[in-house]
Amino acid sequence: MEVRRVEPDDWLVLRTVRLAALADAPAAFGSSYAREVAFDESQWRRRIAGSASFVAFAANEPVGIVTGIADEAAPADERHVVSMWVRADARGTGVAATLIQAVREWARAQGAASLSLWVADGNDRARGSMRAAASAPPGSASRCRATGPSRRTSSGSTCETGVAVPPQRSENTAWPLVMRPSAP
């Protein structure tokens, strides 16, 4: 397996893997296949310029993606993991952990003290993969209370930005997992 950071000239690769992710797991993203299939080349290039996307390849075929972003509303030393997806036939093979390591290294190079990530309710496989990749002990995730704008996913569920509060049940919030970039 090889992981590469996507560069502007790789916009077609990003488009291909992102659309595959949206088609495979529409409830996991804050966008939809119908919306992004209409993006032109310049929109894909802008997306690449504004983030750090990494694509995993097996036998020269894209099998996974992860993107790291800096959010202007977050602390300057925090980065976020978004758009994490692994193709079904590559799940459980270490692709997720390898992608998370790539974004960790990017975050560390950016001077980040932490990475944060949202995993939608009901996505237990992704939650397990992220805990394993983050080396977080089981049960370390806590629920969040909304403190900022929310966004509705294409499936109609809501993902909210928030701060950690004691665990409580809510159908419309996601579980945050905070990962620390590994030490140099």
C-alpha atoms as a PDB file:
ATOM      1  CA  MET A   1       0.000   0.000   0.000  1.00  0.00           C
ATOM      2  CA  GLU A   2       1.126   3.533  -0.775  1.00  0.00           C
ATOM      3  CA  VAL A   3      -0.250   6.786   0.656  1.00  0.00           C
ATOM      4  CA  ARG A   4       0.245  10.028  -1.247  1.00  0.00           C
ATOM      5  CA  ARG A   5      -0.736  13.590  -0.514  1.00  0.00           C
ATOM      6  CA  VAL A   6      -2.996  14.889  -3.261  1.00  0.00           C
ATOM      7  CA  GLU A   7      -1.560  17.784  -5.269  1.00  0.00           C
ATOM      8  CA  PRO A   8      -3.565  20.116  -7.541  1.00  0.00           C
ATOM      9  CA  ASP A   9      -2.767  18.075 -10.646  1.00  0.00           C
ATOM     10  CA  ASP A  10      -4.260  15.034  -8.860  1.00  0.00           C
ATOM     11  CA  TRP A  11      -7.730  16.591  -8.815  1.00  0.00           C
ATOM     12  CA  LEU A  12      -9.205  13.742 -10.873  1.00  0.00           C
ATOM     13  CA  VAL A  13      -7.905  11.166  -8.365  1.00  0.00           C
ATOM     14  CA  LEU A  14      -9.465  13.141  -5.515  1.00  0.00           C
ATOM     15  CA  ARG A  15     -12.726  13.425  -7.434  1.00  0.00           C
ATOM     16  CA  THR A  16     -12.814   9.681  -8.127  1.00  0.00           C
ATOM     17  CA  VAL A  17     -12.186   8.575  -4.550  1.00  0.00           C
ATOM     18  CA  ARG A  18     -14.391  11.261  -2.983  1.00  0.00           C
ATOM     19  CA  LEU A  19     -17.333  10.356  -5.227  1.00  0.00           C
ATOM     20  CA  ALA A  20     -16.802   6.666  -4.428  1.00  0.00           C
ATOM     21  CA  ALA A  21     -16.905   7.530  -0.714  1.00  0.00           C
ATOM     22  CA  LEU A  22     -20.079   9.591  -1.088  1.00  0.00           C
ATOM     23  CA  ALA A  23     -21.761   6.806  -3.077  1.00  0.00           C
ATOM     24  CA  ASP A  24     -20.706   4.128  -0.565  1.00  0.00           C
ATOM     25  CA  ALA A  25     -21.448   5.951   2.694  1.00  0.00           C
ATOM     26  CA  PRO A  26     -23.709   8.957   2.051  1.00  0.00           C
ATOM     27  CA  ALA A  27     -24.709   9.355   5.711  1.00  0.00           C
ATOM     28  CA  ALA A  28     -21.091   9.714   6.810  1.00  0.00           C
ATOM     29  CA  PHE A  29     -20.413  13.017   5.079  1.00  0.00           C
ATOM     30  CA  GLY A  30     -21.685  16.576   5.208  1.00  0.00           C
ATOM     31  CA  SER A  31     -22.219  16.595   1.457  1.00  0.00           C
ATOM     32  CA  SER A  32     -23.780  14.418  -1.203  1.00  0.00           C
ATOM     33  CA  TYR A  33     -22.817  12.610  -4.381  1.00  0.00           C
ATOM     34  CA  ALA A  34     -25.337  14.680  -6.348  1.00  0.00           C
ATOM     35  CA  ARG A  35     -23.733  17.924  -5.165  1.00  0.00           C
ATOM     36  CA  GLU A  36     -20.102  16.980  -5.735  1.00  0.00           C
ATOM     37  CA  VAL A  37     -20.479  15.121  -9.028  1.00  0.00           C
ATOM     38  CA  ALA A  38     -21.354  18.536 -10.483  1.00  0.00           C
ATOM     39  CA  PHE A  39     -18.075  20.143  -9.307  1.00  0.00           C
ATOM     40  CA  ASP A  40     -15.789  21.249 -12.117  1.00  0.00           C
ATOM     41  CA  GLU A  41     -12.003  20.990 -12.206  1.00  0.00           C
ATOM     42  CA  SER A  42     -11.481  24.396 -10.584  1.00  0.00           C
ATOM     43  CA  GLN A  43     -13.635  23.441  -7.587  1.00  0.00           C
ATOM     44  CA  TRP A  44     -11.615  20.259  -7.024  1.00  0.00           C
ATOM     45  CA  ARG A  45      -8.361  22.193  -7.320  1.00  0.00           C
ATOM     46  CA  ARG A  46      -9.597  24.772  -4.764  1.00  0.00           C
ATOM     47  CA  ARG A  47     -10.516  21.964  -2.393  1.00  0.00           C
ATOM     48  CA  ILE A  48      -6.989  20.551  -2.679  1.00  0.00           C
ATOM     49  CA  ALA A  49      -5.421  23.964  -2.115  1.00  0.00           C
ATOM     50  CA  GLY A  50      -7.418  24.531   1.076  1.00  0.00           C
ATOM     51  CA  SER A  51      -6.634  21.240   2.816  1.00  0.00           C
ATOM     52  CA  ALA A  52      -4.297  18.268   3.039  1.00  0.00           C
ATOM     53  CA  SER A  53      -5.876  15.211   1.419  1.00  0.00           C
ATOM     54  CA  PHE A  54      -4.156  11.839   1.428  1.00  0.00           C
ATOM     55  CA  VAL A  55      -5.164   8.896  -0.749  1.00  0.00           C
ATOM     56  CA  ALA A  56      -4.195   5.279  -0.078  1.00  0.00           C
ATOM     57  CA  PHE A  57      -3.473   3.105  -3.101  1.00  0.00           C
ATOM     58  CA  ALA A  58      -3.325  -0.685  -3.382  1.00  0.00           C
ATOM     59  CA  ALA A  59      -2.245  -2.096  -6.731  1.00  0.00           C
ATOM     60  CA  ASN A  60      -2.419   1.466  -8.112  1.00  0.00           C
ATOM     61  CA  GLU A  61      -6.133   1.741  -7.229  1.00  0.00           C
ATOM     62  CA  PRO A  62      -7.394   4.262  -4.656  1.00  0.00           C
ATOM     63  CA  VAL A  63      -8.717   2.418  -1.598  1.00  0.00           C
ATOM     64  CA  GLY A  64      -9.056   5.202   0.957  1.00  0.00           C
ATOM     65  CA  ILE A  65      -8.937   8.895   1.684  1.00  0.00           C
ATOM     66  CA  VAL A  66      -8.503  11.223   4.611  1.00  0.00           C
ATOM     67  CA  THR A  67      -8.305  15.006   4.708  1.00  0.00           C
ATOM     68  CA  GLY A  68      -6.786  17.287   7.308  1.00  0.00           C
ATOM     69  CA  ILE A  69      -7.951  20.866   7.701  1.00  0.00           C
ATOM     70  CA  ALA A  70      -7.283  23.905   9.843  1.00  0.00           C
ATOM     71  CA  ASP A  71     -10.520  25.506  10.999  1.00  0.00           C
ATOM     72  CA  GLU A  72     -10.340  29.281  11.463  1.00  0.00           C
ATOM     73  CA  ALA A  73     -12.794  29.035  14.375  1.00  0.00           C
ATOM     74  CA  ALA A  74     -10.644  26.467  16.251  1.00  0.00           C
ATOM     75  CA  PRO A  75      -7.492  27.053  18.286  1.00  0.00           C
ATOM     76  CA  ALA A  76      -4.447  27.733  16.105  1.00  0.00           C
ATOM     77  CA  ASP A  77      -2.723  24.537  17.269  1.00  0.00           C
ATOM     78  CA  GLU A  78      -5.656  22.252  16.431  1.00  0.00           C
ATOM     79  CA  ARG A  79      -6.274  20.433  13.154  1.00  0.00           C
ATOM     80  CA  HIS A  80      -9.276  18.361  12.126  1.00  0.00           C
ATOM     81  CA  VAL A  81      -9.638  15.040  10.363  1.00  0.00           C
ATOM     82  CA  VAL A  82     -12.472  15.026   7.810  1.00  0.00           C
ATOM     83  CA  SER A  83     -13.544  12.897   4.855  1.00  0.00           C
ATOM     84  CA  MET A  84     -12.152   9.641   6.238  1.00  0.00           C
ATOM     85  CA  TRP A  85     -13.191   6.655   4.130  1.00  0.00           C
ATOM     86  CA  VAL A  86     -11.826   3.235   3.216  1.00  0.00           C
ATOM     87  CA  ARG A  87     -13.193   1.118   0.379  1.00  0.00           C
ATOM     88  CA  ALA A  88     -15.161  -1.892   1.676  1.00  0.00           C
ATOM     89  CA  ASP A  89     -12.732  -4.520   0.389  1.00  0.00           C
ATOM     90  CA  ALA A  90      -9.799  -2.733   2.067  1.00  0.00           C
ATOM     91  CA  ARG A  91     -11.387  -2.282   5.506  1.00  0.00           C
ATOM     92  CA  GLY A  92      -9.654  -4.098   8.319  1.00  0.00           C
ATOM     93  CA  THR A  93      -6.325  -4.151   6.466  1.00  0.00           C
ATOM     94  CA  GLY A  94      -4.606  -1.212   8.152  1.00  0.00           C
ATOM     95  CA  VAL A  95      -5.526   1.387   5.537  1.00  0.00           C
ATOM     96  CA  ALA A  96      -7.321   3.607   8.087  1.00  0.00           C
ATOM     97  CA  ALA A  97      -4.374   3.570  10.497  1.00  0.00           C
ATOM     98  CA  THR A  98      -1.947   4.382   7.683  1.00  0.00           C
ATOM     99  CA  LEU A  99      -4.104   7.283   6.499  1.00  0.00           C
ATOM    100  CA  ILE A 100      -4.435   8.643  10.038  1.00  0.00           C
ATOM    101  CA  GLN A 101      -0.652   8.450  10.424  1.00  0.00           C
ATOM    102  CA  ALA A 102      -0.234  10.513   7.246  1.00  0.00           C
ATOM    103  CA  VAL A 103      -2.558  13.230   8.522  1.00  0.00           C
ATOM    104  CA  ARG A 104      -0.872  13.102  11.956  1.00  0.00           C
ATOM    105  CA  GLU A 105       2.492  13.783  10.330  1.00  0.00           C
ATOM    106  CA  TRP A 106       0.965  16.668   8.372  1.00  0.00           C
ATOM    107  CA  ALA A 107      -0.550  18.104  11.568  1.00  0.00           C
ATOM    108  CA  ARG A 108       2.732  17.786  13.447  1.00  0.00           C
ATOM    109  CA  ALA A 109       4.537  19.603  10.610  1.00  0.00           C
ATOM    110  CA  GLN A 110       1.880  22.334  10.892  1.00  0.00           C
ATOM    111  CA  GLY A 111       2.689  22.742  14.608  1.00  0.00           C
ATOM    112  CA  ALA A 112      -0.601  21.230  15.762  1.00  0.00           C
ATOM    113  CA  ALA A 113      -0.953  19.965  19.315  1.00  0.00           C
ATOM    114  CA  SER A 114      -4.021  17.890  18.497  1.00  0.00           C
ATOM    115  CA  LEU A 115      -6.278  16.458  15.837  1.00  0.00           C
ATOM    116  CA  SER A 116     -10.013  16.218  16.280  1.00  0.00           C
ATOM    117  CA  LEU A 117     -12.453  14.100  14.390  1.00  0.00           C
ATOM    118  CA  TRP A 118     -16.214  13.582  14.298  1.00  0.00           C
ATOM    119  CA  VAL A 119     -17.689  10.123  13.834  1.00  0.00           C
ATOM    120  CA  ALA A 120     -21.436   9.974  13.244  1.00  0.00           C
ATOM    121  CA  ASP A 121     -23.685   8.038  15.620  1.00  0.00           C
ATOM    122  CA  GLY A 122     -24.144   4.475  14.457  1.00  0.00           C
ATOM    123  CA  ASN A 123     -20.843   4.289  12.578  1.00  0.00           C
ATOM    124  CA  ASP A 124     -19.319   1.817  15.015  1.00  0.00           C
ATOM    125  CA  ARG A 125     -16.750   0.440  12.568  1.00  0.00           C
ATOM    126  CA  ALA A 126     -15.359   3.922  11.895  1.00  0.00           C
ATOM    127  CA  ARG A 127     -15.383   4.719  15.601  1.00  0.00           C
ATOM    128  CA  GLY A 128     -13.435   1.521  16.322  1.00  0.00           C
ATOM    129  CA  SER A 129     -10.943   2.208  13.548  1.00  0.00           C
ATOM    130  CA  MET A 130     -10.367   5.747  14.746  1.00  0.00           C
ATOM    131  CA  ARG A 131      -9.904   4.662  18.367  1.00  0.00           C
ATOM    132  CA  ALA A 132      -7.370   2.074  17.275  1.00  0.00           C
ATOM    133  CA  ALA A 133      -5.564   4.528  15.000  1.00  0.00           C
ATOM    134  CA  ALA A 134      -5.524   7.151  17.733  1.00  0.00           C
ATOM    135  CA  SER A 135      -4.363   4.651  20.361  1.00  0.00           C
ATOM    136  CA  ALA A 136      -7.179   5.927  22.520  1.00  0.00           C
ATOM    137  CA  PRO A 137      -8.353   3.650  25.315  1.00  0.00           C
ATOM    138  CA  PRO A 138     -11.885   2.253  24.955  1.00  0.00           C
ATOM    139  CA  GLY A 139     -14.488   4.566  26.432  1.00  0.00           C
ATOM    140  CA  SER A 140     -12.328   7.670  26.090  1.00  0.00           C
ATOM    141  CA  ALA A 141     -14.732   9.404  23.739  1.00  0.00           C
ATOM    142  CA  SER A 142     -17.256  11.745  25.284  1.00  0.00           C
ATOM    143  CA  ARG A 143     -20.451  13.254  23.969  1.00  0.00           C
ATOM    144  CA  CYS A 144     -20.556  16.850  22.855  1.00  0.00           C
ATOM    145  CA  ARG A 145     -22.939  19.716  23.392  1.00  0.00           C
ATOM    146  CA  ALA A 146     -23.413  22.109  20.513  1.00  0.00           C
ATOM    147  CA  THR A 147     -21.443  25.329  20.836  1.00  0.00           C
ATOM    148  CA  GLY A 148     -21.285  26.407  17.256  1.00  0.00           C
ATOM    149  CA  PRO A 149     -22.969  26.015  13.913  1.00  0.00           C
ATOM    150  CA  SER A 150     -24.391  22.653  12.984  1.00  0.00           C
ATOM    151  CA  ARG A 151     -24.547  21.149   9.553  1.00  0.00           C
ATOM    152  CA  ARG A 152     -27.057  18.679   8.223  1.00  0.00           C
ATOM    153  CA  THR A 153     -25.644  15.705   6.364  1.00  0.00           C
ATOM    154  CA  SER A 154     -27.128  14.419   3.133  1.00  0.00           C
ATOM    155  CA  SER A 155     -28.930  11.731   5.158  1.00  0.00           C
ATOM    156  CA  GLY A 156     -30.618  14.372   7.318  1.00  0.00           C
ATOM    157  CA  SER A 157     -28.603  13.723  10.489  1.00  0.00           C
ATOM    158  CA  THR A 158     -26.872  16.647  12.154  1.00  0.00           C
ATOM    159  CA  CYS A 159     -23.178  16.937  12.967  1.00  0.00           C
ATOM    160  CA  GLU A 160     -22.395  19.705  15.416  1.00  0.00           C
ATOM    161  CA  THR A 161     -19.240  21.378  16.573  1.00  0.00           C
ATOM    162  CA  GLY A 162     -19.006  21.266  20.318  1.00  0.00           C
ATOM    163  CA  VAL A 163     -17.153  20.861  23.564  1.00  0.00           C
ATOM    164  CA  ALA A 164     -16.848  17.718  25.639  1.00  0.00           C
ATOM    165  CA  VAL A 165     -19.474  17.199  28.327  1.00  0.00           C
ATOM    166  CA  PRO A 166     -20.341  14.127  30.414  1.00  0.00           C
ATOM    167  CA  PRO A 167     -21.811  11.288  28.319  1.00  0.00           C
ATOM    168  CA  GLN A 168     -25.510  11.621  27.578  1.00  0.00           C
ATOM    169  CA  ARG A 169     -27.755  10.153  24.922  1.00  0.00           C
ATOM    170  CA  SER A 170     -28.781  12.292  21.976  1.00  0.00           C
ATOM    171  CA  GLU A 171     -29.803  11.182  18.525  1.00  0.00           C
ATOM    172  CA  ASN A 172     -28.412  14.231  16.693  1.00  0.00           C
ATOM    173  CA  THR A 173     -24.866  14.583  17.931  1.00  0.00           C
ATOM    174  CA  ALA A 174     -21.640  12.907  16.912  1.00  0.00           C
ATOM    175  CA  TRP A 175     -18.948  11.424  19.115  1.00  0.00           C
ATOM    176  CA  PRO A 176     -15.692  13.419  19.066  1.00  0.00           C
ATOM    177  CA  LEU A 177     -12.380  11.613  19.184  1.00  0.00           C
ATOM    178  CA  VAL A 178      -9.370  13.773  19.892  1.00  0.00           C
ATOM    179  CA  MET A 179      -6.065  12.352  18.737  1.00  0.00           C
ATOM    180  CA  ARG A 180      -2.655  13.712  19.594  1.00  0.00           C
ATOM    181  CA  PRO A 181       0.001  13.722  16.852  1.00  0.00           C
ATOM    182  CA  SER A 182       2.707  11.257  17.841  1.00  0.00           C
ATOM    183  CA  ALA A 183       5.890  12.745  19.252  1.00  0.00           C
ATOM    184  CA  PRO A 184       8.715  13.405  16.782  1.00  0.00           C
END
